[in-house]
PDB file of N, CA and C in Angstrom:
ATOM      1  N   MET A   1      33.382  25.523  32.567  1.00  0.00           N
ATOM      2  CA  MET A   1      33.006  24.293  33.230  1.00  0.00           C
ATOM      3  C   MET A   1      33.927  24.064  34.422  1.00  0.00           C
ATOM      4  N   ARG A   2      33.366  23.646  35.525  1.00  0.00           N
ATOM      5  CA  ARG A   2      34.121  23.416  36.745  1.00  0.00           C
ATOM      6  C   ARG A   2      34.793  22.054  36.742  1.00  0.00           C
ATOM      7  N   ALA A   3      36.012  22.008  37.254  1.00  0.00           N
ATOM      8  CA  ALA A   3      36.722  20.730  37.364  1.00  0.00           C
ATOM      9  C   ALA A   3      36.057  19.892  38.456  1.00  0.00           C
ATOM     10  N   PRO A   4      36.008  18.591  38.273  1.00  0.00           N
ATOM     11  CA  PRO A   4      35.392  17.743  39.306  1.00  0.00           C
ATOM     12  C   PRO A   4      36.195  17.795  40.603  1.00  0.00           C
ATOM     13  N   LEU A   5      35.509  17.702  41.712  1.00  0.00           N
ATOM     14  CA  LEU A   5      36.140  17.706  43.029  1.00  0.00           C
ATOM     15  C   LEU A   5      36.733  16.329  43.293  1.00  0.00           C
ATOM     16  N   ARG A   6      37.985  16.308  43.746  1.00  0.00           N
ATOM     17  CA  ARG A   6      38.639  15.052  44.089  1.00  0.00           C
ATOM     18  C   ARG A   6      38.882  15.021  45.591  1.00  0.00           C
ATOM     19  N   LEU A   7      39.000  13.836  46.147  1.00  0.00           N
ATOM     20  CA  LEU A   7      39.217  13.694  47.584  1.00  0.00           C
ATOM     21  C   LEU A   7      40.486  14.409  48.030  1.00  0.00           C
ATOM     22  N   VAL A   8      41.508  14.396  47.221  1.00  0.00           N
ATOM     23  CA  VAL A   8      42.773  15.049  47.569  1.00  0.00           C
ATOM     24  C   VAL A   8      42.598  16.566  47.700  1.00  0.00           C
ATOM     25  N   ASP A   9      41.594  17.161  47.058  1.00  0.00           N
ATOM     26  CA  ASP A   9      41.357  18.602  47.081  1.00  0.00           C
ATOM     27  C   ASP A   9      40.346  19.044  48.146  1.00  0.00           C
ATOM     28  N   LEU A  10      39.721  18.104  48.833  1.00  0.00           N
ATOM     29  CA  LEU A  10      38.694  18.431  49.817  1.00  0.00           C
ATOM     30  C   LEU A  10      39.323  19.187  50.994  1.00  0.00           C
ATOM     31  N   PRO A  11      38.806  20.369  51.334  1.00  0.00           N
ATOM     32  CA  PRO A  11      39.366  21.140  52.456  1.00  0.00           C
ATOM     33  C   PRO A  11      39.142  20.438  53.803  1.00  0.00           C
ATOM     34  N   ARG A  12      40.012  20.728  54.742  1.00  0.00           N
ATOM     35  CA  ARG A  12      39.913  20.136  56.085  1.00  0.00           C
ATOM     36  C   ARG A  12      38.581  20.488  56.734  1.00  0.00           C
ATOM     37  N   GLY A  13      37.945  19.489  57.313  1.00  0.00           N
ATOM     38  CA  GLY A  13      36.674  19.682  57.999  1.00  0.00           C
ATOM     39  C   GLY A  13      35.454  19.552  57.102  1.00  0.00           C
ATOM     40  N   CYS A  14      35.644  19.518  55.790  1.00  0.00           N
ATOM     41  CA  CYS A  14      34.518  19.441  54.854  1.00  0.00           C
ATOM     42  C   CYS A  14      34.095  18.001  54.605  1.00  0.00           C
ATOM     43  N   ARG A  15      32.836  17.869  54.226  1.00  0.00           N
ATOM     44  CA  ARG A  15      32.256  16.560  53.902  1.00  0.00           C
ATOM     45  C   ARG A  15      31.805  16.547  52.455  1.00  0.00           C
ATOM     46  N   ALA A  16      31.807  15.359  51.875  1.00  0.00           N
ATOM     47  CA  ALA A  16      31.336  15.167  50.500  1.00  0.00           C
ATOM     48  C   ALA A  16      30.938  13.705  50.337  1.00  0.00           C
ATOM     49  N   THR A  17      30.444  13.367  49.159  1.00  0.00           N
ATOM     50  CA  THR A  17      30.028  12.006  48.856  1.00  0.00           C
ATOM     51  C   THR A  17      30.858  11.476  47.703  1.00  0.00           C
ATOM     52  N   VAL A  18      31.289  10.233  47.814  1.00  0.00           N
ATOM     53  CA  VAL A  18      32.079   9.607  46.748  1.00  0.00           C
ATOM     54  C   VAL A  18      31.200   9.446  45.515  1.00  0.00           C
ATOM     55  N   ASP A  19      31.707   9.928  44.380  1.00  0.00           N
ATOM     56  CA  ASP A  19      30.992   9.810  43.104  1.00  0.00           C
ATOM     57  C   ASP A  19      31.511   8.628  42.304  1.00  0.00           C
ATOM     58  N   SER A  20      32.839   8.545  42.142  1.00  0.00           N
ATOM     59  CA  SER A  20      33.415   7.453  41.358  1.00  0.00           C
ATOM     60  C   SER A  20      34.887   7.262  41.706  1.00  0.00           C
ATOM     61  N   LEU A  21      35.420   6.113  41.309  1.00  0.00           N
ATOM     62  CA  LEU A  21      36.831   5.789  41.470  1.00  0.00           C
ATOM     63  C   LEU A  21      37.423   5.579  40.083  1.00  0.00           C
ATOM     64  N   THR A  22      38.553   6.229  39.806  1.00  0.00           N
ATOM     65  CA  THR A  22      39.218   6.065  38.517  1.00  0.00           C
ATOM     66  C   THR A  22      40.612   5.514  38.777  1.00  0.00           C
ATOM     67  N   ALA A  23      40.688   4.204  38.949  1.00  0.00           N
ATOM     68  CA  ALA A  23      41.947   3.553  39.277  1.00  0.00           C
ATOM     69  C   ALA A  23      41.987   2.181  38.617  1.00  0.00           C
ATOM     70  N   ASP A  24      43.181   1.587  38.610  1.00  0.00           N
ATOM     71  CA  ASP A  24      43.276   0.223  38.091  1.00  0.00           C
ATOM     72  C   ASP A  24      42.522  -0.711  39.040  1.00  0.00           C
ATOM     73  N   VAL A  25      42.284  -1.923  38.599  1.00  0.00           N
ATOM     74  CA  VAL A  25      41.440  -2.853  39.349  1.00  0.00           C
ATOM     75  C   VAL A  25      41.965  -3.107  40.759  1.00  0.00           C
ATOM     76  N   GLY A  26      43.276  -3.283  40.914  1.00  0.00           N
ATOM     77  CA  GLY A  26      43.841  -3.557  42.231  1.00  0.00           C
ATOM     78  C   GLY A  26      43.618  -2.424  43.212  1.00  0.00           C
ATOM     79  N   LEU A  27      43.896  -1.204  42.792  1.00  0.00           N
ATOM     80  CA  LEU A  27      43.698  -0.046  43.665  1.00  0.00           C
ATOM     81  C   LEU A  27      42.214   0.186  43.917  1.00  0.00           C
ATOM     82  N   GLN A  28      41.397  -0.007  42.912  1.00  0.00           N
ATOM     83  CA  GLN A  28      39.956   0.181  43.090  1.00  0.00           C
ATOM     84  C   GLN A  28      39.419  -0.788  44.142  1.00  0.00           C
ATOM     85  N   ARG A  29      39.845  -2.023  44.098  1.00  0.00           N
ATOM     86  CA  ARG A  29      39.401  -3.001  45.109  1.00  0.00           C
ATOM     87  C   ARG A  29      39.894  -2.628  46.499  1.00  0.00           C
ATOM     88  N   ARG A  30      41.127  -2.128  46.591  1.00  0.00           N
ATOM     89  CA  ARG A  30      41.672  -1.713  47.889  1.00  0.00           C
ATOM     90  C   ARG A  30      40.878  -0.549  48.459  1.00  0.00           C
ATOM     91  N   LEU A  31      40.585   0.455  47.622  1.00  0.00           N
ATOM     92  CA  LEU A  31      39.817   1.609  48.085  1.00  0.00           C
ATOM     93  C   LEU A  31      38.407   1.199  48.504  1.00  0.00           C
ATOM     94  N   GLU A  32      37.793   0.304  47.744  1.00  0.00           N
ATOM     95  CA  GLU A  32      36.457  -0.169  48.102  1.00  0.00           C
ATOM     96  C   GLU A  32      36.488  -0.964  49.401  1.00  0.00           C
ATOM     97  N   ALA A  33      37.548  -1.744  49.627  1.00  0.00           N
ATOM     98  CA  ALA A  33      37.685  -2.493  50.877  1.00  0.00           C
ATOM     99  C   ALA A  33      37.832  -1.554  52.070  1.00  0.00           C
ATOM    100  N   LEU A  34      38.406  -0.370  51.851  1.00  0.00           N
ATOM    101  CA  LEU A  34      38.538   0.631  52.909  1.00  0.00           C
ATOM    102  C   LEU A  34      37.235   1.396  53.137  1.00  0.00           C
ATOM    103  N   GLY A  35      36.237   1.182  52.277  1.00  0.00           N
ATOM    104  CA  GLY A  35      34.942   1.838  52.437  1.00  0.00           C
ATOM    105  C   GLY A  35      34.673   2.943  51.443  1.00  0.00           C
ATOM    106  N   LEU A  36      35.619   3.237  50.568  1.00  0.00           N
ATOM    107  CA  LEU A  36      35.439   4.313  49.582  1.00  0.00           C
ATOM    108  C   LEU A  36      34.691   3.768  48.368  1.00  0.00           C
ATOM    109  N   ARG A  37      33.362   3.774  48.471  1.00  0.00           N
ATOM    110  CA  ARG A  37      32.492   3.299  47.404  1.00  0.00           C
ATOM    111  C   ARG A  37      31.570   4.440  46.979  1.00  0.00           C
ATOM    112  N   PRO A  38      31.104   4.428  45.741  1.00  0.00           N
ATOM    113  CA  PRO A  38      30.155   5.471  45.316  1.00  0.00           C
ATOM    114  C   PRO A  38      28.954   5.546  46.262  1.00  0.00           C
ATOM    115  N   GLY A  39      28.598   6.772  46.628  1.00  0.00           N
ATOM    116  CA  GLY A  39      27.483   7.011  47.530  1.00  0.00           C
ATOM    117  C   GLY A  39      27.887   7.112  48.993  1.00  0.00           C
ATOM    118  N   GLN A  40      29.120   6.771  49.316  1.00  0.00           N
ATOM    119  CA  GLN A  40      29.593   6.792  50.704  1.00  0.00           C
ATOM    120  C   GLN A  40      30.038   8.206  51.088  1.00  0.00           C
ATOM    121  N   ALA A  41      29.675   8.656  52.295  1.00  0.00           N
ATOM    122  CA  ALA A  41      30.067   9.973  52.787  1.00  0.00           C
ATOM    123  C   ALA A  41      31.506   9.934  53.310  1.00  0.00           C
ATOM    124  N   VAL A  42      32.279  10.996  53.017  1.00  0.00           N
ATOM    125  CA  VAL A  42      33.650  11.126  53.510  1.00  0.00           C
ATOM    126  C   VAL A  42      33.839  12.506  54.121  1.00  0.00           C
ATOM    127  N   GLN A  43      34.756  12.587  55.074  1.00  0.00           N
ATOM    128  CA  GLN A  43      35.098  13.863  55.704  1.00  0.00           C
ATOM    129  C   GLN A  43      36.611  13.953  55.821  1.00  0.00           C
ATOM    130  N   MET A  44      37.169  15.111  55.454  1.00  0.00           N
ATOM    131  CA  MET A  44      38.603  15.346  55.598  1.00  0.00           C
ATOM    132  C   MET A  44      38.870  15.797  57.031  1.00  0.00           C
ATOM    133  N   LEU A  45      39.685  15.043  57.752  1.00  0.00           N
ATOM    134  CA  LEU A  45      40.000  15.387  59.129  1.00  0.00           C
ATOM    135  C   LEU A  45      41.292  16.179  59.241  1.00  0.00           C
ATOM    136  N   ARG A  46      42.363  15.681  58.626  1.00  0.00           N
ATOM    137  CA  ARG A  46      43.653  16.366  58.676  1.00  0.00           C
ATOM    138  C   ARG A  46      44.439  16.088  57.407  1.00  0.00           C
ATOM    139  N   ARG A  47      45.422  16.970  57.151  1.00  0.00           N
ATOM    140  CA  ARG A  47      46.337  16.808  56.015  1.00  0.00           C
ATOM    141  C   ARG A  47      47.749  16.757  56.554  1.00  0.00           C
ATOM    142  N   GLY A  48      48.524  15.782  56.093  1.00  0.00           N
ATOM    143  CA  GLY A  48      49.924  15.685  56.496  1.00  0.00           C
ATOM    144  C   GLY A  48      50.730  16.813  55.875  1.00  0.00           C
ATOM    145  N   TRP A  49      51.880  17.122  56.483  1.00  0.00           N
ATOM    146  CA  TRP A  49      52.768  18.157  55.951  1.00  0.00           C
ATOM    147  C   TRP A  49      53.224  17.792  54.559  1.00  0.00           C
ATOM    148  N   TRP A  50      53.483  18.790  53.749  1.00  0.00           N
ATOM    149  CA  TRP A  50      53.983  18.664  52.379  1.00  0.00           C
ATOM    150  C   TRP A  50      53.149  17.675  51.601  1.00  0.00           C
ATOM    151  N   ALA A  51      53.714  16.548  51.251  1.00  0.00           N
ATOM    152  CA  ALA A  51      52.981  15.542  50.474  1.00  0.00           C
ATOM    153  C   ALA A  51      52.612  14.356  51.361  1.00  0.00           C
ATOM    154  N   GLY A  52      52.402  14.627  52.647  1.00  0.00           N
ATOM    155  CA  GLY A  52      52.074  13.566  53.599  1.00  0.00           C
ATOM    156  C   GLY A  52      50.680  13.016  53.391  1.00  0.00           C
ATOM    157  N   PRO A  53      50.326  11.996  54.150  1.00  0.00           N
ATOM    158  CA  PRO A  53      49.026  11.340  53.973  1.00  0.00           C
ATOM    159  C   PRO A  53      47.861  12.198  54.454  1.00  0.00           C
ATOM    160  N   LEU A  54      46.678  11.806  54.024  1.00  0.00           N
ATOM    161  CA  LEU A  54      45.443  12.469  54.417  1.00  0.00           C
ATOM    162  C   LEU A  54      44.734  11.609  55.453  1.00  0.00           C
ATOM    163  N   HIS A  55      44.199  12.231  56.474  1.00  0.00           N
ATOM    164  CA  HIS A  55      43.438  11.543  57.518  1.00  0.00           C
ATOM    165  C   HIS A  55      41.973  11.814  57.212  1.00  0.00           C
ATOM    166  N   ILE A  56      41.230  10.768  56.850  1.00  0.00           N
ATOM    167  CA  ILE A  56      39.830  10.943  56.464  1.00  0.00           C
ATOM    168  C   ILE A  56      38.928  10.028  57.283  1.00  0.00           C
ATOM    169  N   ARG A  57      37.654  10.379  57.297  1.00  0.00           N
ATOM    170  CA  ARG A  57      36.633   9.533  57.923  1.00  0.00           C
ATOM    171  C   ARG A  57      35.684   9.074  56.827  1.00  0.00           C
ATOM    172  N   VAL A  58      35.479   7.766  56.780  1.00  0.00           N
ATOM    173  CA  VAL A  58      34.540   7.156  55.834  1.00  0.00           C
ATOM    174  C   VAL A  58      33.515   6.417  56.674  1.00  0.00           C
ATOM    175  N   GLY A  59      32.301   6.923  56.720  1.00  0.00           N
ATOM    176  CA  GLY A  59      31.306   6.335  57.607  1.00  0.00           C
ATOM    177  C   GLY A  59      31.755   6.505  59.048  1.00  0.00           C
ATOM    178  N   MET A  60      31.966   5.392  59.751  1.00  0.00           N
ATOM    179  CA  MET A  60      32.429   5.422  61.147  1.00  0.00           C
ATOM    180  C   MET A  60      33.914   5.087  61.263  1.00  0.00           C
ATOM    181  N   THR A  61      34.588   4.888  60.128  1.00  0.00           N
ATOM    182  CA  THR A  61      35.990   4.466  60.111  1.00  0.00           C
ATOM    183  C   THR A  61      36.903   5.624  59.756  1.00  0.00           C
ATOM    184  N   GLU A  62      38.006   5.773  60.500  1.00  0.00           N
ATOM    185  CA  GLU A  62      39.025   6.764  60.178  1.00  0.00           C
ATOM    186  C   GLU A  62      40.209   6.038  59.572  1.00  0.00           C
ATOM    187  N   LEU A  63      40.800   6.625  58.516  1.00  0.00           N
ATOM    188  CA  LEU A  63      41.946   6.003  57.877  1.00  0.00           C
ATOM    189  C   LEU A  63      42.878   7.050  57.305  1.00  0.00           C
ATOM    190  N   MET A  64      44.110   6.619  57.061  1.00  0.00           N
ATOM    191  CA  MET A  64      45.121   7.458  56.423  1.00  0.00           C
ATOM    192  C   MET A  64      45.241   6.985  54.979  1.00  0.00           C
ATOM    193  N   LEU A  65      45.349   7.937  54.068  1.00  0.00           N
ATOM    194  CA  LEU A  65      45.374   7.605  52.650  1.00  0.00           C
ATOM    195  C   LEU A  65      46.431   8.438  51.951  1.00  0.00           C
ATOM    196  N   ARG A  66      47.211   7.805  51.070  1.00  0.00           N
ATOM    197  CA  ARG A  66      48.200   8.549  50.288  1.00  0.00           C
ATOM    198  C   ARG A  66      47.491   9.532  49.367  1.00  0.00           C
ATOM    199  N   ARG A  67      48.122  10.674  49.140  1.00  0.00           N
ATOM    200  CA  ARG A  67      47.528  11.692  48.275  1.00  0.00           C
ATOM    201  C   ARG A  67      47.325  11.195  46.853  1.00  0.00           C
ATOM    202  N   ARG A  68      48.265  10.399  46.334  1.00  0.00           N
ATOM    203  CA  ARG A  68      48.114   9.911  44.956  1.00  0.00           C
ATOM    204  C   ARG A  68      46.933   8.955  44.837  1.00  0.00           C
ATOM    205  N   ASP A  69      46.603   8.234  45.910  1.00  0.00           N
ATOM    206  CA  ASP A  69      45.421   7.374  45.890  1.00  0.00           C
ATOM    207  C   ASP A  69      44.152   8.208  46.040  1.00  0.00           C
ATOM    208  N   ALA A  70      44.208   9.229  46.888  1.00  0.00           N
ATOM    209  CA  ALA A  70      43.049  10.116  47.088  1.00  0.00           C
ATOM    210  C   ALA A  70      42.710  10.888  45.812  1.00  0.00           C
ATOM    211  N   ALA A  71      43.696  11.112  44.969  1.00  0.00           N
ATOM    212  CA  ALA A  71      43.453  11.828  43.709  1.00  0.00           C
ATOM    213  C   ALA A  71      42.610  10.995  42.744  1.00  0.00           C
ATOM    214  N   ARG A  72      42.469   9.724  42.995  1.00  0.00           N
ATOM    215  CA  ARG A  72      41.671   8.822  42.145  1.00  0.00           C
ATOM    216  C   ARG A  72      40.199   8.764  42.537  1.00  0.00           C
ATOM    217  N   VAL A  73      39.838   9.460  43.621  1.00  0.00           N
ATOM    218  CA  VAL A  73      38.459   9.428  44.134  1.00  0.00           C
ATOM    219  C   VAL A  73      37.768  10.738  43.787  1.00  0.00           C
ATOM    220  N   SER A  74      36.731  10.660  42.948  1.00  0.00           N
ATOM    221  CA  SER A  74      35.926  11.838  42.574  1.00  0.00           C
ATOM    222  C   SER A  74      34.767  11.988  43.548  1.00  0.00           C
ATOM    223  N   LEU A  75      34.447  13.232  43.882  1.00  0.00           N
ATOM    224  CA  LEU A  75      33.418  13.539  44.866  1.00  0.00           C
ATOM    225  C   LEU A  75      32.326  14.431  44.300  1.00  0.00           C
ATOM    226  N   VAL A  76      31.181  14.424  44.962  1.00  0.00           N
ATOM    227  CA  VAL A  76      30.135  15.424  44.739  1.00  0.00           C
ATOM    228  C   VAL A  76      29.877  16.078  46.084  1.00  0.00           C
ATOM    229  N   ALA A  77      29.756  17.389  46.085  1.00  0.00           N
ATOM    230  CA  ALA A  77      29.585  18.121  47.342  1.00  0.00           C
ATOM    231  C   ALA A  77      28.167  18.042  47.850  1.00  0.00           C
TER     232      ALA A  77
END
């Protein structure tokens, strides 16, 4: 069985769709306020060095996201 794809694992330049968020209520609300909701398209633009932030596009919005927060977002390709 294949492990589910997470936003933190999405390769640079690739697109996927948000499947679910597995976070506490506060973080889930923050991610949803940033546009990361189930069914929303995301694209990985850049990855920071080492454990740096991820630069992603959600719809028409670009944002930086911590890797530990991105690990809470499950995707479908």
